[in-house]
Protein backbone atom coordinates (compact mmCIF):
# COMPACT_ATOMS: atom_id res chain seq x y z
CA MET A 1 113.01 72.07 152.96
CA ASN A 2 115.52 69.77 151.30
CA LYS A 3 116.57 70.92 147.87
CA THR A 4 117.53 68.68 144.98
CA LYS A 5 120.68 69.32 142.99
CA ILE A 6 118.85 69.47 139.65
CA CYS A 7 115.33 69.81 138.31
CA VAL A 8 114.68 68.77 134.71
CA ILE A 9 111.69 70.31 132.93
CA ALA A 10 111.21 68.30 129.74
CA HIS A 11 108.85 66.33 127.51
CA PHE A 12 109.04 62.95 129.26
CA ALA A 13 105.54 61.76 128.23
CA PHE A 14 105.44 59.41 131.23
CA GLY A 15 103.29 56.35 130.56
CA LYS A 16 103.46 56.73 126.78
CA ASN A 17 105.76 55.01 124.31
CA LEU A 18 106.98 58.01 122.33
CA LEU A 19 110.20 57.55 120.34
CA ASN A 20 110.79 61.07 119.02
CA GLY A 21 114.21 62.59 119.56
CA GLN A 22 113.03 65.15 122.11
CA THR A 23 111.45 62.59 124.45
CA VAL A 24 114.20 60.00 124.09
CA LYS A 25 117.00 62.49 124.79
CA ALA A 26 115.20 63.94 127.82
CA LYS A 27 114.81 60.47 129.34
CA ILE A 28 118.41 59.45 128.61
CA ILE A 29 119.98 62.60 130.11
CA THR A 30 117.74 62.54 133.18
CA GLU A 31 118.31 58.85 133.88
CA GLU A 32 122.07 59.38 133.74
CA LEU A 33 121.82 62.40 136.05
CA GLU A 34 120.01 60.11 138.52
CA ASN A 35 122.75 57.47 138.11
CA GLN A 36 125.52 59.94 138.87
CA LEU A 37 123.83 62.12 141.53
CA GLY A 38 121.26 59.74 143.05
CA GLU A 39 117.52 59.69 142.31
CA ASN A 40 116.75 61.87 145.32
CA GLN A 41 118.87 64.65 143.80
CA VAL A 42 116.90 64.92 140.54
CA LEU A 43 113.37 66.34 140.27
CA LYS A 44 111.45 65.67 137.03
CA ILE A 45 108.67 67.85 135.63
CA ASP A 46 106.82 66.57 132.54
CA THR A 47 105.67 69.10 129.90
CA HIS A 48 103.66 66.56 127.85
CA GLY A 49 100.18 67.70 126.86
CA GLY A 50 100.62 70.35 124.17
CA ILE A 51 99.12 73.83 124.58
CA LYS A 52 97.06 72.80 127.65
CA SER A 53 100.22 71.89 129.55
CA LEU A 54 101.59 75.41 129.02
CA LEU A 55 98.89 76.71 131.38
CA LYS A 56 100.68 74.81 134.14
CA ALA A 57 104.05 76.30 133.22
CA PRO A 58 104.17 79.10 135.87
CA PHE A 59 103.43 76.61 138.65
CA GLN A 60 105.98 74.14 137.28
CA VAL A 61 108.63 76.85 137.09
CA LEU A 62 107.99 78.00 140.67
CA LYS A 63 108.21 74.41 141.91
CA ALA A 64 111.49 73.88 140.04
CA LEU A 65 113.10 77.06 141.38
CA LYS A 66 111.86 76.46 144.91
CA LYS A 67 113.17 72.92 145.12
CA SER A 68 116.38 72.83 143.01
CA GLU A 69 119.72 74.61 142.75
CA ASN A 70 119.94 73.97 139.00
CA VAL A 71 117.05 73.94 136.54
CA ILE A 72 117.49 72.28 133.14
CA ILE A 73 114.97 72.79 130.35
CA MET A 74 114.81 70.75 127.11
CA PRO A 75 111.88 72.31 125.21
CA ALA A 76 111.01 72.59 121.54
CA HIS A 77 109.96 75.89 119.93
CA ASN A 78 106.73 76.70 121.80
CA GLY A 79 108.02 75.48 125.14
CA LEU A 80 111.14 77.62 124.85
CA ARG A 81 109.05 80.76 124.34
CA VAL A 82 107.20 80.02 127.58
CA TYR A 83 109.65 78.37 129.99
CA ALA A 84 112.78 80.46 129.38
CA PRO A 85 111.17 83.88 130.16
CA LEU A 86 109.23 82.48 133.14
CA LEU A 87 112.36 80.95 134.66
CA ASN A 88 114.39 84.08 134.06
CA PHE A 89 111.70 86.27 135.68
CA PHE A 90 111.06 84.15 138.77
CA LYS A 91 114.73 83.31 139.32
CA LYS A 92 115.27 86.70 140.99
CA PHE A 93 113.10 85.52 143.91
CA TYR A 94 115.14 82.33 144.40
CA LYS A 95 118.84 83.14 144.53
CA PRO A 96 121.22 81.57 143.79
CA ARG A 97 119.82 79.42 140.99
CA LYS A 98 121.49 78.31 137.77
CA LEU A 99 119.44 77.94 134.60
CA HIS A 100 120.50 75.55 131.85
CA TYR A 101 119.09 74.91 128.40
CA VAL A 102 120.02 71.57 126.81
CA VAL A 103 119.25 72.01 123.11
CA ILE A 104 117.58 69.19 121.19
CA GLY A 105 117.94 69.53 117.43
CA GLY A 106 119.65 72.10 115.25
CA TRP A 107 117.05 74.85 114.91
CA LEU A 108 117.94 77.27 117.71
CA ALA A 109 120.21 79.80 115.96
CA SER A 110 117.83 80.33 113.02
CA PHE A 111 114.83 80.41 115.39
CA LEU A 112 116.39 83.21 117.48
CA LYS A 113 117.44 85.48 114.60
CA ASN A 114 114.45 87.84 114.86
CA LYS A 115 113.61 87.23 118.52
CA LYS A 116 115.57 89.84 120.48
CA GLY A 117 113.65 89.36 123.72
CA LEU A 118 114.12 85.60 123.84
CA THR A 119 117.77 85.95 122.81
CA LYS A 120 118.37 88.42 125.65
CA THR A 121 116.67 86.01 128.09
CA LEU A 122 118.79 83.02 127.03
CA LYS A 123 122.01 85.03 127.29
CA LYS A 124 121.25 85.32 131.03
CA PHE A 125 121.16 81.53 131.45
CA TYR A 126 124.13 79.90 133.17
CA GLY A 127 124.61 77.61 130.18
CA ILE A 128 123.26 76.75 126.74
CA TYR A 129 124.35 73.26 125.63
CA ALA A 130 124.40 72.79 121.85
CA GLU A 131 124.78 69.40 120.17
CA THR A 132 127.67 70.27 117.83
CA ASN A 133 130.51 72.76 117.39
CA THR A 134 128.79 74.19 114.32
CA MET A 135 125.68 74.97 116.39
CA LYS A 136 127.89 76.56 119.06
CA ASN A 137 129.57 78.77 116.45
CA ASP A 138 126.19 79.79 115.01
CA LEU A 139 124.98 80.88 118.46
CA GLU A 140 128.22 82.70 119.23
CA ALA A 141 127.74 84.62 115.98
CA LEU A 142 124.51 85.93 117.59
CA GLY A 143 126.51 87.19 120.58
CA PHE A 144 126.13 84.26 122.99
CA LYS A 145 129.01 83.73 125.42
CA ASN A 146 127.45 80.94 127.53
CA VAL A 147 127.40 78.09 124.98
CA SER A 148 129.09 74.70 125.48
CA VAL A 149 128.94 71.56 123.36
CA MET A 150 126.97 68.67 124.83
CA PRO A 151 126.68 66.04 122.10
CA ASN A 152 123.69 63.80 121.74
CA CYS A 153 124.09 60.52 123.60
CA LYS A 154 122.43 57.14 123.94
CA LYS A 155 122.65 54.39 126.52
CA LEU A 156 123.59 51.52 124.24
CA ASP A 157 125.70 48.40 124.55
CA VAL A 158 128.45 49.09 122.03
CA ILE A 159 129.31 45.77 120.40
CA LYS A 160 132.81 44.31 120.75
CA GLU A 161 135.19 44.18 117.81
CA ASP A 162 134.91 40.39 117.58
CA GLU A 163 131.12 40.78 117.19
CA LEU A 164 131.42 42.86 114.01
CA VAL A 165 129.53 41.26 111.14
CA LYS A 166 131.62 40.98 107.98
CA PHE A 167 129.98 40.75 104.57
CA ASP A 168 131.52 38.75 101.73
CA LYS A 169 128.68 38.37 99.25
CA GLU A 170 125.68 40.07 97.70
CA PRO A 171 123.08 41.20 98.36
CA TYR A 172 124.40 43.75 100.86
CA LYS A 173 121.81 44.76 103.45
CA LEU A 174 121.10 48.50 103.83
CA CYS A 175 118.66 50.25 106.12
CA THR A 176 117.22 53.60 107.15
CA PHE A 177 116.61 54.09 110.87
CA SER A 178 114.76 57.33 111.58
CA ARG A 179 111.29 58.77 111.68
CA VAL A 180 109.61 57.71 108.47
CA MET A 181 108.92 60.99 106.70
CA LYS A 182 109.58 62.44 103.27
CA GLU A 183 112.11 64.96 104.61
CA LYS A 184 114.30 62.19 106.00
CA GLY A 185 115.08 61.22 102.40
CA ILE A 186 113.31 57.85 102.48
CA GLU A 187 112.34 58.10 98.79
CA ASP A 188 115.92 59.07 97.88
CA ALA A 189 117.18 55.93 99.61
CA ILE A 190 114.66 53.73 97.77
CA ASN A 191 115.33 55.33 94.38
CA SER A 192 119.11 55.04 94.73
CA VAL A 193 118.93 51.35 95.68
CA LYS A 194 116.55 50.71 92.77
CA ALA A 195 118.87 52.54 90.36
CA VAL A 196 121.94 50.50 91.37
CA ASN A 197 120.08 47.19 91.25
CA GLU A 198 118.65 48.03 87.84
CA LYS A 199 122.06 49.08 86.54
CA PHE A 200 123.53 45.68 87.51
CA SER A 201 120.37 43.76 86.52
CA ARG A 202 120.40 41.91 89.84
CA VAL A 203 119.73 42.53 93.53
CA VAL A 204 123.03 43.99 94.74
CA PHE A 205 121.44 45.80 97.71
CA THR A 206 118.34 45.24 99.84
CA LEU A 207 116.79 48.06 101.87
CA ASP A 208 114.87 47.83 105.15
CA ILE A 209 113.08 50.93 106.44
CA TYR A 210 112.65 51.23 110.22
CA GLY A 211 110.96 53.86 112.33
CA GLN A 212 107.78 55.52 113.48
CA ILE A 213 105.68 56.84 110.57
CA ASP A 214 105.39 60.58 111.05
CA GLY A 215 101.91 61.88 111.88
CA GLY A 216 100.30 63.31 108.77
CA GLN A 217 102.52 61.34 106.41
CA GLU A 218 100.80 57.96 106.66
CA GLU A 219 99.05 58.30 103.29
CA TRP A 220 102.29 59.30 101.55
CA PHE A 221 104.05 56.23 102.99
CA GLU A 222 101.16 53.86 102.20
CA ASN A 223 101.32 54.97 98.56
CA LEU A 224 105.08 54.55 98.59
CA GLN A 225 104.81 51.01 99.97
CA LYS A 226 102.51 50.00 97.12
CA GLU A 227 105.42 50.64 94.73
CA PHE A 228 108.10 48.80 96.79
CA PRO A 229 110.13 46.26 94.79
CA GLU A 230 110.60 42.90 96.57
CA TYR A 231 113.99 43.97 97.98
CA VAL A 232 112.57 46.99 99.87
CA LYS A 233 110.63 46.36 103.10
CA TYR A 234 109.19 48.32 106.02
CA GLY A 235 110.43 46.82 109.30
CA GLY A 236 108.25 48.83 111.70
CA LEU A 237 109.35 50.16 115.07
CA VAL A 238 112.43 48.98 116.92
CA PRO A 239 112.54 49.54 120.73
CA PHE A 240 115.36 52.00 121.53
CA ASP A 241 117.22 49.37 123.58
CA LYS A 242 117.18 46.91 120.64
CA SER A 243 118.66 49.23 118.01
CA VAL A 244 122.21 47.85 118.13
CA GLU A 245 120.99 44.27 118.02
CA VAL A 246 119.00 45.00 114.85
CA LEU A 247 121.53 47.26 113.12
CA LYS A 248 124.66 45.15 113.57
CA ASP A 249 123.54 42.80 110.78
CA TYR A 250 123.55 45.58 108.17
CA PHE A 251 126.21 46.60 105.69
CA ALA A 252 125.43 50.33 105.92
CA LEU A 253 122.99 52.85 107.35
CA LEU A 254 121.57 55.33 104.85
CA PHE A 255 120.77 58.80 106.21
CA PRO A 256 119.77 60.96 103.23
CA THR A 257 118.00 63.58 105.36
CA TYR A 258 117.04 67.11 104.37
CA TYR A 259 114.81 67.66 107.41
CA GLU A 260 114.88 71.34 108.44
CA GLY A 261 114.98 70.64 112.20
CA GLU A 262 117.80 68.09 112.01
CA GLY A 263 120.31 68.29 114.83
CA PHE A 264 122.68 65.58 116.01
CA ALA A 265 120.58 62.63 114.91
CA GLY A 266 120.51 59.78 117.43
CA THR A 267 120.44 57.24 114.62
CA LEU A 268 124.10 58.04 113.90
CA ILE A 269 125.00 56.91 117.43
CA ASP A 270 122.95 53.74 116.96
CA ALA A 271 124.96 52.96 113.83
CA PHE A 272 128.34 53.68 115.43
CA SER A 273 127.45 51.46 118.39
CA ALA A 274 126.47 48.63 116.02
CA GLY A 275 129.71 49.03 114.07
CA ILE A 276 128.05 49.97 110.79
CA PRO A 277 129.37 52.84 108.66
CA ILE A 278 126.96 55.53 107.46
CA ILE A 279 126.19 57.07 104.09
CA ALA A 280 124.75 60.49 104.93
CA SER A 281 123.81 63.69 103.15
CA ASP A 282 125.90 66.81 103.83
CA TRP A 283 122.82 68.36 105.45
CA LYS A 284 123.14 70.43 108.64
CA TYR A 285 125.62 68.76 111.05
CA ASN A 286 126.10 65.32 109.49
CA SER A 287 129.59 66.07 108.18
CA GLU A 288 130.75 67.05 111.67
CA ILE A 289 129.61 63.70 113.09
CA VAL A 290 130.31 61.29 110.21
CA GLU A 291 133.90 61.56 108.99
CA SER A 292 133.91 60.73 105.30
CA GLY A 293 136.35 57.92 104.60
CA LYS A 294 136.66 57.00 108.28
CA THR A 295 133.18 56.23 109.65
CA GLY A 296 131.24 56.43 106.39
CA LEU A 297 130.65 58.66 103.39
CA ILE A 298 129.15 62.14 103.12
CA TYR A 299 127.61 63.12 99.80
CA ASN A 300 126.48 66.44 98.30
CA LEU A 301 122.70 66.67 98.57
CA LYS A 302 122.57 69.09 95.64
CA GLU A 303 124.20 66.59 93.29
CA SER A 304 121.71 64.29 91.62
CA ASN A 305 122.71 60.62 91.81
CA ALA A 306 125.30 61.35 94.54
CA LEU A 307 123.82 58.76 96.91
CA GLU A 308 123.78 56.25 94.07
CA GLY A 309 127.45 57.08 93.47
CA CYS A 310 128.27 56.30 97.11
CA LEU A 311 126.57 52.93 96.84
CA LYS A 312 128.61 52.11 93.72
CA TRP A 313 131.79 53.19 95.55
CA CYS A 314 130.95 50.74 98.36
CA LEU A 315 130.60 47.93 95.83
CA ASP A 316 134.00 48.75 94.36
CA ASN A 317 135.62 49.14 97.78
CA VAL A 318 133.98 46.55 100.04
CA THR A 319 137.24 45.89 101.95
CA ASN A 320 137.74 49.62 102.66
CA TRP A 321 134.12 49.94 103.74
CA LEU A 322 134.36 47.01 106.16
CA ASP A 323 137.60 48.45 107.58
CA MET A 324 135.57 51.46 108.76
CA LYS A 325 133.51 49.29 111.10
CA GLY A 326 136.17 49.33 113.84
CA ASN A 327 136.39 53.14 113.61
CA CYS A 328 132.66 53.33 114.25
CA LEU A 329 133.04 51.45 117.55
CA VAL A 330 135.76 53.87 118.70
CA GLU A 331 133.53 56.83 117.78
CA ALA A 332 130.58 55.35 119.71
CA GLN A 333 132.47 55.67 123.01
CA LYS A 334 132.25 59.49 122.85
CA TYR A 335 128.47 59.40 122.91
CA LEU A 336 127.79 57.24 125.95
CA PRO A 337 125.58 59.06 128.49
CA ASN A 338 127.99 58.51 131.39
CA VAL A 339 130.72 60.34 129.43
CA VAL A 340 128.53 63.21 128.22
CA VAL A 341 126.70 63.81 131.53
CA LYS A 342 129.91 63.65 133.58
CA GLU A 343 131.37 66.45 131.45
CA PHE A 344 128.21 68.48 132.04
CA LEU A 345 128.29 67.95 135.81
CA ASP A 346 131.99 68.84 135.93
CA GLN A 347 131.03 72.27 134.52
CA LEU A 348 128.57 72.83 137.37
CA GLU A 349 131.19 72.42 140.07
């Protein structure tokens, strides 16, 4: 029987238009593996379906090990508990096989702290691929020796320098570009824009909110919308291949997140590719990705009015802010799928 080079077990949600980070990253990585290895060398197994799909997990794992030299998993919490032990157990019947876990999000180290069995299982994997150096260090502190950095990536058309949109007059257009949920700091963004506009008694900034409204938070957002001033609008969903086209017309991306599961947020890559600097909270890994003063500003989440202070700094330093746009385009090149996946495949050889 012909074997494939790689099998990817992930939440693809084939036939559905899901835009969450887990699904999007799984599709991006797998598509690039197919580009570089050939479609006939990549087997895909979809874990979509919640708890019911976990009943199929043993059969999926056996299929993956039987047909592929390398098995990559990209699960969230529940999936990891199921797929990692199953793969590790059945691998002994299919030698040699290499197991790989491509991490999505920044929750793994804290999740594993009291899970000795799962930690022991993952230490036997050929590779764990964390999104940032900080995540790698956190895992190594738990005794892992098989961790590499594989940053988040997106297949985007990075704009050219001569396409950069320069801004020379108010109001300056701001946006958020993430799942629409309280923990992504949406209210903080709105309140900071309102505070600055009220301070100057005119509309200095407008704010557009883009993204899928998080399940269970619809009522919260509906109530929030009722209080929107005229310069704050909800822009709905943007197809992932249109993000750069939409974002390039903005002055700045606001990312005031305090979401517990935040990893290397894909929205930061969208912004870099569109040549727009970012104002982000110092939450989780943001300060490793956004270099304050070079590709945006990082502010202290614990300081009240810190986001408002960043907005005022931008007003006082518009030329400096616009100079960062070129830096963003340079940074975007690091996060192209062909670059990231090639580095991963080089490690397999």
